[in-house]
Amino acid sequence: MEIEDVIAQHGDYLLKVAYLYVKNEATAEDIVQDVFIAFYQKQGQFRQQSSLRTYLVKMTVNRSHDYLRSWKSKRLSLFEKITGKTTYHTPEKEVLIKSSKRELVEALFTLSVQYREVLILYYFEDMTTVEIAQLVGCPEATVRTRLQRARKQLAVTIGENDWEVLRNESI
């Protein structure tokens, strides 16, 4: 399969995944670009034990986690806290804030990455707990526990009734 086909087929989806982690379009684009470069350079290492999409999503999630642990991410966050200004303002973020799901998105972003990722993968990407466990590399019981705790945190943040309505919709 040609790299152009892989990019055309999976690029938009990977960009959404990266954005949900890093909350910055430019950074998400950089992460996805790095993923495609790494895949191109090492595509012979892909053993086809899972689908190509799952493999690329796993790479994207790992790169996103690496970025969130990096000094650059922490420095930008510190700058925003000190100045009270954000370093970015993407149209996608504006649309999310203005949409009817604004409250859910804001509540999701208050959760830790481990809780946010299982909620997004379970409710918005329609993955099973078994698939999520394989993707994030932890036992299925851990995924179920994280889902339960994340639901409780969201219910407290946005209210039980609102959560029931919003979780049946997609972003």
C-alpha atoms as a PDB file:
ATOM      1  CA  MET A   1       0.000   0.000   0.000  1.00  0.00           C
ATOM      2  CA  GLU A   2       1.331   3.421  -0.943  1.00  0.00           C
ATOM      3  CA  ILE A   3       1.933   5.973   1.814  1.00  0.00           C
ATOM      4  CA  GLU A   4      -0.318   8.466  -0.012  1.00  0.00           C
ATOM      5  CA  ASP A   5      -3.203   5.996   0.244  1.00  0.00           C
ATOM      6  CA  VAL A   6      -2.529   5.441   3.946  1.00  0.00           C
ATOM      7  CA  ILE A   7      -2.484   9.196   4.574  1.00  0.00           C
ATOM      8  CA  ALA A   8      -5.675   9.752   2.570  1.00  0.00           C
ATOM      9  CA  GLN A   9      -7.463   6.902   4.297  1.00  0.00           C
ATOM     10  CA  HIS A  10      -6.398   7.524   7.909  1.00  0.00           C
ATOM     11  CA  GLY A  11      -5.117  11.119   8.134  1.00  0.00           C
ATOM     12  CA  ASP A  12      -8.310  12.886   9.184  1.00  0.00           C
ATOM     13  CA  TYR A  13      -9.150  10.277  11.798  1.00  0.00           C
ATOM     14  CA  LEU A  14      -5.661  10.354  13.311  1.00  0.00           C
ATOM     15  CA  LEU A  15      -5.809  14.146  13.422  1.00  0.00           C
ATOM     16  CA  LYS A  16      -9.025  13.959  15.462  1.00  0.00           C
ATOM     17  CA  VAL A  17      -7.474  11.427  17.838  1.00  0.00           C
ATOM     18  CA  ALA A  18      -4.360  13.556  18.368  1.00  0.00           C
ATOM     19  CA  TYR A  19      -6.443  16.731  18.829  1.00  0.00           C
ATOM     20  CA  LEU A  20      -8.546  15.089  21.539  1.00  0.00           C
ATOM     21  CA  TYR A  21      -5.359  14.453  23.487  1.00  0.00           C
ATOM     22  CA  VAL A  22      -3.347  17.631  22.978  1.00  0.00           C
ATOM     23  CA  LYS A  23      -6.201  20.134  22.399  1.00  0.00           C
ATOM     24  CA  ASN A  24      -4.148  22.044  19.831  1.00  0.00           C
ATOM     25  CA  GLU A  25      -4.628  21.680  16.084  1.00  0.00           C
ATOM     26  CA  ALA A  26      -1.068  22.590  15.085  1.00  0.00           C
ATOM     27  CA  THR A  27       0.429  20.181  17.609  1.00  0.00           C
ATOM     28  CA  ALA A  28      -2.008  17.455  16.526  1.00  0.00           C
ATOM     29  CA  GLU A  29      -0.926  17.978  12.906  1.00  0.00           C
ATOM     30  CA  ASP A  30       2.733  17.686  13.921  1.00  0.00           C
ATOM     31  CA  ILE A  31       2.026  14.479  15.821  1.00  0.00           C
ATOM     32  CA  VAL A  32       0.168  12.921  12.885  1.00  0.00           C
ATOM     33  CA  GLN A  33       2.944  13.961  10.519  1.00  0.00           C
ATOM     34  CA  ASP A  34       5.488  12.286  12.812  1.00  0.00           C
ATOM     35  CA  VAL A  35       3.348   9.146  12.909  1.00  0.00           C
ATOM     36  CA  PHE A  36       3.209   8.921   9.116  1.00  0.00           C
ATOM     37  CA  ILE A  37       6.955   9.545   8.792  1.00  0.00           C
ATOM     38  CA  ALA A  38       7.696   6.840  11.366  1.00  0.00           C
ATOM     39  CA  PHE A  39       5.292   4.450   9.659  1.00  0.00           C
ATOM     40  CA  TYR A  40       6.859   5.122   6.255  1.00  0.00           C
ATOM     41  CA  GLN A  41      10.356   4.537   7.572  1.00  0.00           C
ATOM     42  CA  LYS A  42       9.444   1.383   9.481  1.00  0.00           C
ATOM     43  CA  GLN A  43       6.432  -0.038   7.649  1.00  0.00           C
ATOM     44  CA  GLY A  44       8.253  -3.360   7.337  1.00  0.00           C
ATOM     45  CA  GLN A  45       7.909  -3.744  11.102  1.00  0.00           C
ATOM     46  CA  PHE A  46       4.098  -3.721  10.865  1.00  0.00           C
ATOM     47  CA  ARG A  47       3.266  -7.390  11.540  1.00  0.00           C
ATOM     48  CA  GLN A  48      -0.451  -7.094  10.711  1.00  0.00           C
ATOM     49  CA  GLN A  49      -1.508  -8.521  14.068  1.00  0.00           C
ATOM     50  CA  SER A  50      -4.155  -5.786  14.075  1.00  0.00           C
ATOM     51  CA  SER A  51      -5.655  -3.544  11.447  1.00  0.00           C
ATOM     52  CA  LEU A  52      -3.516  -0.764  10.013  1.00  0.00           C
ATOM     53  CA  ARG A  53      -5.913   1.773  11.516  1.00  0.00           C
ATOM     54  CA  THR A  54      -5.480   0.339  15.018  1.00  0.00           C
ATOM     55  CA  TYR A  55      -1.708   0.312  14.571  1.00  0.00           C
ATOM     56  CA  LEU A  56      -1.652   3.948  13.454  1.00  0.00           C
ATOM     57  CA  VAL A  57      -4.024   5.006  16.260  1.00  0.00           C
ATOM     58  CA  LYS A  58      -1.744   3.324  18.789  1.00  0.00           C
ATOM     59  CA  MET A  59       1.242   5.206  17.350  1.00  0.00           C
ATOM     60  CA  THR A  60      -0.744   8.467  17.494  1.00  0.00           C
ATOM     61  CA  VAL A  61      -1.822   7.876  21.088  1.00  0.00           C
ATOM     62  CA  ASN A  62       1.770   7.101  22.090  1.00  0.00           C
ATOM     63  CA  ARG A  63       3.111  10.238  20.370  1.00  0.00           C
ATOM     64  CA  SER A  64       0.361  12.301  22.010  1.00  0.00           C
ATOM     65  CA  HIS A  65       1.300  10.925  25.429  1.00  0.00           C
ATOM     66  CA  ASP A  66       4.963  11.678  24.698  1.00  0.00           C
ATOM     67  CA  TYR A  67       4.056  15.257  23.829  1.00  0.00           C
ATOM     68  CA  LEU A  68       1.941  15.700  26.963  1.00  0.00           C
ATOM     69  CA  ARG A  69       4.899  14.505  29.075  1.00  0.00           C
ATOM     70  CA  SER A  70       7.364  16.736  27.228  1.00  0.00           C
ATOM     71  CA  TRP A  71       8.891  19.953  28.529  1.00  0.00           C
ATOM     72  CA  LYS A  72       7.385  21.894  25.614  1.00  0.00           C
ATOM     73  CA  SER A  73       3.853  20.962  26.656  1.00  0.00           C
ATOM     74  CA  LYS A  74       4.497  21.814  30.282  1.00  0.00           C
ATOM     75  CA  ARG A  75       6.142  25.113  29.358  1.00  0.00           C
ATOM     76  CA  LEU A  76       3.126  26.195  27.245  1.00  0.00           C
ATOM     77  CA  SER A  77       0.754  25.212  30.030  1.00  0.00           C
ATOM     78  CA  LEU A  78       2.777  27.167  32.567  1.00  0.00           C
ATOM     79  CA  PHE A  79       2.833  30.206  30.253  1.00  0.00           C
ATOM     80  CA  GLU A  80      -0.957  30.060  29.933  1.00  0.00           C
ATOM     81  CA  LYS A  81      -1.412  29.845  33.702  1.00  0.00           C
ATOM     82  CA  ILE A  82       0.920  32.756  34.399  1.00  0.00           C
ATOM     83  CA  THR A  83      -0.382  35.108  31.706  1.00  0.00           C
ATOM     84  CA  GLY A  84      -3.986  33.956  31.609  1.00  0.00           C
ATOM     85  CA  LYS A  85      -3.720  33.824  27.824  1.00  0.00           C
ATOM     86  CA  THR A  86      -3.881  30.784  25.633  1.00  0.00           C
ATOM     87  CA  THR A  87      -1.216  30.285  23.022  1.00  0.00           C
ATOM     88  CA  TYR A  88      -3.730  29.100  20.444  1.00  0.00           C
ATOM     89  CA  HIS A  89      -7.328  29.588  19.447  1.00  0.00           C
ATOM     90  CA  THR A  90      -8.394  27.174  16.713  1.00  0.00           C
ATOM     91  CA  PRO A  91     -11.647  27.349  14.772  1.00  0.00           C
ATOM     92  CA  GLU A  92     -12.389  23.778  15.826  1.00  0.00           C
ATOM     93  CA  LYS A  93     -12.184  24.756  19.468  1.00  0.00           C
ATOM     94  CA  GLU A  94     -14.482  27.731  18.868  1.00  0.00           C
ATOM     95  CA  VAL A  95     -17.044  25.485  17.166  1.00  0.00           C
ATOM     96  CA  LEU A  96     -16.920  23.018  20.046  1.00  0.00           C
ATOM     97  CA  ILE A  97     -17.349  25.767  22.619  1.00  0.00           C
ATOM     98  CA  LYS A  98     -20.292  27.317  20.768  1.00  0.00           C
ATOM     99  CA  SER A  99     -22.014  24.027  20.026  1.00  0.00           C
ATOM    100  CA  SER A 100     -24.705  22.463  22.151  1.00  0.00           C
ATOM    101  CA  LYS A 101     -22.100  19.995  23.445  1.00  0.00           C
ATOM    102  CA  ARG A 102     -19.822  22.711  24.865  1.00  0.00           C
ATOM    103  CA  GLU A 103     -20.369  21.647  28.430  1.00  0.00           C
ATOM    104  CA  LEU A 104     -19.538  18.014  27.685  1.00  0.00           C
ATOM    105  CA  VAL A 105     -16.353  18.915  25.853  1.00  0.00           C
ATOM    106  CA  GLU A 106     -15.194  21.170  28.673  1.00  0.00           C
ATOM    107  CA  ALA A 107     -15.987  18.467  31.210  1.00  0.00           C
ATOM    108  CA  LEU A 108     -14.089  15.881  29.161  1.00  0.00           C
ATOM    109  CA  PHE A 109     -11.032  18.119  29.074  1.00  0.00           C
ATOM    110  CA  THR A 110     -11.056  18.407  32.859  1.00  0.00           C
ATOM    111  CA  LEU A 111     -10.603  14.664  33.172  1.00  0.00           C
ATOM    112  CA  SER A 112      -7.168  13.119  33.276  1.00  0.00           C
ATOM    113  CA  VAL A 113      -5.941  11.654  29.991  1.00  0.00           C
ATOM    114  CA  GLN A 114      -6.520   8.062  31.104  1.00  0.00           C
ATOM    115  CA  TYR A 115     -10.206   8.747  31.838  1.00  0.00           C
ATOM    116  CA  ARG A 116     -10.751  10.990  28.832  1.00  0.00           C
ATOM    117  CA  GLU A 117      -9.270   8.481  26.398  1.00  0.00           C
ATOM    118  CA  VAL A 118     -11.450   5.563  27.536  1.00  0.00           C
ATOM    119  CA  LEU A 119     -14.610   7.682  27.379  1.00  0.00           C
ATOM    120  CA  ILE A 120     -13.793   8.964  23.899  1.00  0.00           C
ATOM    121  CA  LEU A 121     -12.844   5.553  22.567  1.00  0.00           C
ATOM    122  CA  TYR A 122     -15.873   3.860  24.142  1.00  0.00           C
ATOM    123  CA  TYR A 123     -18.631   6.382  23.412  1.00  0.00           C
ATOM    124  CA  PHE A 124     -17.442   8.318  20.388  1.00  0.00           C
ATOM    125  CA  GLU A 125     -15.359   5.711  18.561  1.00  0.00           C
ATOM    126  CA  ASP A 126     -17.646   2.776  19.485  1.00  0.00           C
ATOM    127  CA  MET A 127     -14.789   0.577  20.639  1.00  0.00           C
ATOM    128  CA  THR A 128     -15.369  -2.295  23.042  1.00  0.00           C
ATOM    129  CA  THR A 129     -13.576  -2.517  26.361  1.00  0.00           C
ATOM    130  CA  VAL A 130     -11.503  -5.390  24.950  1.00  0.00           C
ATOM    131  CA  GLU A 131     -10.394  -3.250  21.981  1.00  0.00           C
ATOM    132  CA  ILE A 132      -9.614  -0.303  24.256  1.00  0.00           C
ATOM    133  CA  ALA A 133      -7.571  -2.540  26.561  1.00  0.00           C
ATOM    134  CA  GLN A 134      -5.514  -3.745  23.605  1.00  0.00           C
ATOM    135  CA  LEU A 135      -5.053  -0.199  22.310  1.00  0.00           C
ATOM    136  CA  VAL A 136      -3.937   1.387  25.586  1.00  0.00           C
ATOM    137  CA  GLY A 137      -2.068  -1.690  26.799  1.00  0.00           C
ATOM    138  CA  CYS A 138      -3.807  -2.431  30.066  1.00  0.00           C
ATOM    139  CA  PRO A 139      -6.169  -5.134  31.383  1.00  0.00           C
ATOM    140  CA  GLU A 140      -9.824  -4.971  30.386  1.00  0.00           C
ATOM    141  CA  ALA A 141     -10.817  -4.683  34.061  1.00  0.00           C
ATOM    142  CA  THR A 142      -8.731  -1.517  34.293  1.00  0.00           C
ATOM    143  CA  VAL A 143     -10.568  -0.074  31.280  1.00  0.00           C
ATOM    144  CA  ARG A 144     -13.937  -0.856  32.877  1.00  0.00           C
ATOM    145  CA  THR A 145     -12.807   0.760  36.149  1.00  0.00           C
ATOM    146  CA  ARG A 146     -11.589   3.849  34.326  1.00  0.00           C
ATOM    147  CA  LEU A 147     -14.898   4.073  32.444  1.00  0.00           C
ATOM    148  CA  GLN A 148     -16.861   3.836  35.681  1.00  0.00           C
ATOM    149  CA  ARG A 149     -14.751   6.485  37.408  1.00  0.00           C
ATOM    150  CA  ALA A 150     -14.828   8.785  34.379  1.00  0.00           C
ATOM    151  CA  ARG A 151     -18.629   8.522  34.177  1.00  0.00           C
ATOM    152  CA  LYS A 152     -18.918   9.419  37.856  1.00  0.00           C
ATOM    153  CA  GLN A 153     -16.617  12.421  37.456  1.00  0.00           C
ATOM    154  CA  LEU A 154     -18.573  13.657  34.430  1.00  0.00           C
ATOM    155  CA  ALA A 155     -21.898  13.145  36.170  1.00  0.00           C
ATOM    156  CA  VAL A 156     -20.679  15.298  39.051  1.00  0.00           C
ATOM    157  CA  THR A 157     -19.302  17.949  36.678  1.00  0.00           C
ATOM    158  CA  ILE A 158     -22.243  18.314  34.305  1.00  0.00           C
ATOM    159  CA  GLY A 159     -25.087  16.665  36.195  1.00  0.00           C
ATOM    160  CA  GLU A 160     -26.461  13.142  35.901  1.00  0.00           C
ATOM    161  CA  ASN A 161     -29.354  13.981  33.546  1.00  0.00           C
ATOM    162  CA  ASP A 162     -27.229  16.018  31.141  1.00  0.00           C
ATOM    163  CA  TRP A 163     -24.620  13.252  31.002  1.00  0.00           C
ATOM    164  CA  GLU A 164     -27.231  10.625  30.088  1.00  0.00           C
ATOM    165  CA  VAL A 165     -28.474  12.767  27.194  1.00  0.00           C
ATOM    166  CA  LEU A 166     -25.068  13.862  25.924  1.00  0.00           C
ATOM    167  CA  ARG A 167     -23.325  10.496  26.031  1.00  0.00           C
ATOM    168  CA  ASN A 168     -25.748   9.146  23.437  1.00  0.00           C
ATOM    169  CA  GLU A 169     -24.692  11.873  20.979  1.00  0.00           C
ATOM    170  CA  SER A 170     -21.366  12.162  19.204  1.00  0.00           C
ATOM    171  CA  ILE A 171     -19.080  15.150  18.995  1.00  0.00           C
END
